[in-house]
């Protein structure tokens, strides 16, 4: 039996309410995934969706972003939903950019806003039909 796909959930402070609403609306779909989230985001989701199982990592600025980055590099994630607040300065902006860079390098499906997150949840790729590779593809053509 194939392992369940793993989805990471991250949200900047100004976008945590949006993430919570997304999780509430999509609780049934999210039950099909192993969920990991940065600390505060995971805690907020669990408050309103107690039926979901969410593995909480450290808070983003305290290393949670890097923990998710390591999971991407190790091929342990099949998708990332990262609700980014483009209007607020982030003291850990370098970590955020590194996380996005890893998602691009490893060709990980990544949603940065609500619209793309909804599409990502409907994706056959995220549903485990194709998993991410532990090494990036190189096009020699």
Protein backbone atom coordinates (compact mmCIF):
# COMPACT_ATOMS: atom_id res chain seq x y z
CA UNK A 1 0.00 0.00 0.00
CA UNK A 2 1.36 3.42 -0.96
CA UNK A 3 2.20 5.87 1.78
CA UNK A 4 -0.13 8.80 2.26
CA UNK A 5 1.12 12.03 0.68
CA UNK A 6 2.49 14.63 3.06
CA UNK A 7 1.45 18.27 2.82
CA UNK A 8 3.15 21.16 4.63
CA UNK A 9 1.10 24.16 5.82
CA UNK A 10 2.80 27.48 6.57
CA UNK A 11 1.35 30.97 6.94
CA UNK A 12 2.75 34.37 7.77
CA UNK A 13 1.10 36.09 10.74
CA UNK A 14 -1.20 38.24 8.61
CA UNK A 15 -2.31 35.14 6.67
CA UNK A 16 -2.94 32.73 9.57
CA UNK A 17 -6.69 33.48 9.60
CA UNK A 18 -6.79 32.67 5.87
CA UNK A 19 -4.99 29.37 6.50
CA UNK A 20 -7.37 28.45 9.32
CA UNK A 21 -10.39 29.18 7.12
CA UNK A 22 -8.81 27.13 4.30
CA UNK A 23 -8.29 24.19 6.68
CA UNK A 24 -11.87 24.45 8.02
CA UNK A 25 -13.33 24.49 4.51
CA UNK A 26 -11.16 21.58 3.37
CA UNK A 27 -11.03 19.40 6.50
CA UNK A 28 -12.40 16.33 4.71
CA UNK A 29 -9.82 16.58 1.91
CA UNK A 30 -6.97 17.32 4.34
CA UNK A 31 -7.73 14.13 6.28
CA UNK A 32 -6.29 12.22 3.31
CA UNK A 33 -2.83 13.72 3.95
CA UNK A 34 -0.15 13.53 6.58
CA UNK A 35 0.02 17.19 7.57
CA UNK A 36 3.00 19.10 8.93
CA UNK A 37 2.92 22.76 9.86
CA UNK A 38 5.06 25.36 11.48
CA UNK A 39 4.28 25.74 15.17
CA UNK A 40 1.84 28.60 15.44
CA UNK A 41 0.06 27.81 12.18
CA UNK A 42 -0.34 24.16 13.22
CA UNK A 43 -1.67 25.19 16.63
CA UNK A 44 -4.24 27.52 15.12
CA UNK A 45 -5.43 24.82 12.71
CA UNK A 46 -5.77 22.26 15.51
CA UNK A 47 -7.87 24.71 17.55
CA UNK A 48 -10.58 24.84 14.89
CA UNK A 49 -10.08 21.43 13.24
CA UNK A 50 -9.50 19.03 16.15
CA UNK A 51 -10.19 16.04 13.87
CA UNK A 52 -7.10 16.75 11.78
CA UNK A 53 -3.76 15.23 12.69
CA UNK A 54 -1.07 17.87 12.28
CA UNK A 55 2.57 17.39 13.18
CA UNK A 56 3.69 20.73 14.57
CA UNK A 57 7.26 21.77 13.88
CA UNK A 58 9.05 24.76 15.36
CA UNK A 59 7.78 28.26 14.70
CA UNK A 60 9.02 29.57 11.33
CA UNK A 61 11.54 32.10 12.69
CA UNK A 62 12.82 29.52 15.21
CA UNK A 63 13.68 26.91 12.60
CA UNK A 64 10.34 25.56 11.36
CA UNK A 65 10.97 26.88 7.85
CA UNK A 66 14.29 25.03 7.78
CA UNK A 67 12.67 21.84 9.07
CA UNK A 68 10.23 21.98 6.17
CA UNK A 69 13.11 22.78 3.81
CA UNK A 70 14.91 19.63 4.97
CA UNK A 71 11.76 17.59 4.33
CA UNK A 72 11.63 18.97 0.79
CA UNK A 73 15.29 18.12 0.16
CA UNK A 74 14.76 14.60 1.52
CA UNK A 75 11.74 14.01 -0.74
CA UNK A 76 9.37 13.66 2.22
CA UNK A 77 6.80 16.24 1.06
CA UNK A 78 4.41 16.06 -1.87
CA UNK A 79 3.14 19.62 -1.57
CA UNK A 80 3.53 22.95 0.22
CA UNK A 81 0.84 25.50 1.01
CA UNK A 82 2.58 28.68 2.14
CA UNK A 83 0.31 31.68 2.55
CA UNK A 84 2.76 34.53 2.12
CA UNK A 85 2.11 38.11 3.22
CA UNK A 86 3.88 40.19 0.58
CA UNK A 87 3.11 43.50 2.33
CA UNK A 88 4.79 42.96 5.71
CA UNK A 89 8.54 42.91 6.28
CA UNK A 90 9.76 39.55 7.57
CA UNK A 91 12.80 39.37 9.84
CA UNK A 92 13.39 35.80 8.65
CA UNK A 93 12.85 36.64 4.97
CA UNK A 94 16.04 34.76 4.02
CA UNK A 95 14.55 31.53 5.43
CA UNK A 96 11.32 32.11 3.52
CA UNK A 97 13.18 32.63 0.24
CA UNK A 98 15.23 29.49 0.87
CA UNK A 99 12.04 27.47 1.36
CA UNK A 100 10.60 28.73 -1.91
CA UNK A 101 13.91 28.09 -3.67
CA UNK A 102 13.95 24.46 -2.48
CA UNK A 103 10.39 23.98 -3.69
CA UNK A 104 11.45 25.20 -7.11
CA UNK A 105 14.66 23.14 -7.23
CA UNK A 106 12.88 19.92 -6.24
CA UNK A 107 9.83 20.64 -8.42
CA UNK A 108 7.51 20.49 -5.42
CA UNK A 109 3.94 21.70 -6.01
CA UNK A 110 3.66 24.93 -4.02
CA UNK A 111 0.69 27.22 -3.40
CA UNK A 112 1.41 30.74 -2.20
CA UNK A 113 -2.17 32.00 -1.99
CA UNK A 114 -5.70 30.73 -1.46
CA UNK A 115 -6.55 30.28 -5.14
CA UNK A 116 -3.55 28.09 -5.87
CA UNK A 117 -4.03 26.16 -2.62
CA UNK A 118 -7.53 25.17 -3.72
CA UNK A 119 -6.14 24.02 -7.09
CA UNK A 120 -3.31 22.14 -5.37
CA UNK A 121 -5.74 20.15 -3.23
CA UNK A 122 -7.56 19.03 -6.39
CA UNK A 123 -4.30 18.01 -8.07
CA UNK A 124 -3.77 14.36 -9.02
CA UNK A 125 -0.04 14.84 -8.45
CA UNK A 126 -0.55 15.86 -4.83
CA UNK A 127 -2.93 12.97 -4.31
CA UNK A 128 0.04 10.64 -4.52
CA UNK A 129 -0.15 9.61 -8.16
CA UNK A 130 3.32 11.06 -8.63
CA UNK A 131 5.69 11.71 -5.75
CA UNK A 132 8.56 14.14 -5.66
CA UNK A 133 12.05 12.97 -6.42
CA UNK A 134 14.92 13.34 -3.97
CA UNK A 135 17.09 14.78 -6.75
CA UNK A 136 16.20 17.53 -9.17
CA UNK A 137 15.70 16.60 -12.81
CA UNK A 138 18.26 17.87 -15.28
CA UNK A 139 17.18 18.55 -18.86
CA UNK A 140 20.03 17.73 -21.24
CA UNK A 141 18.18 18.68 -24.39
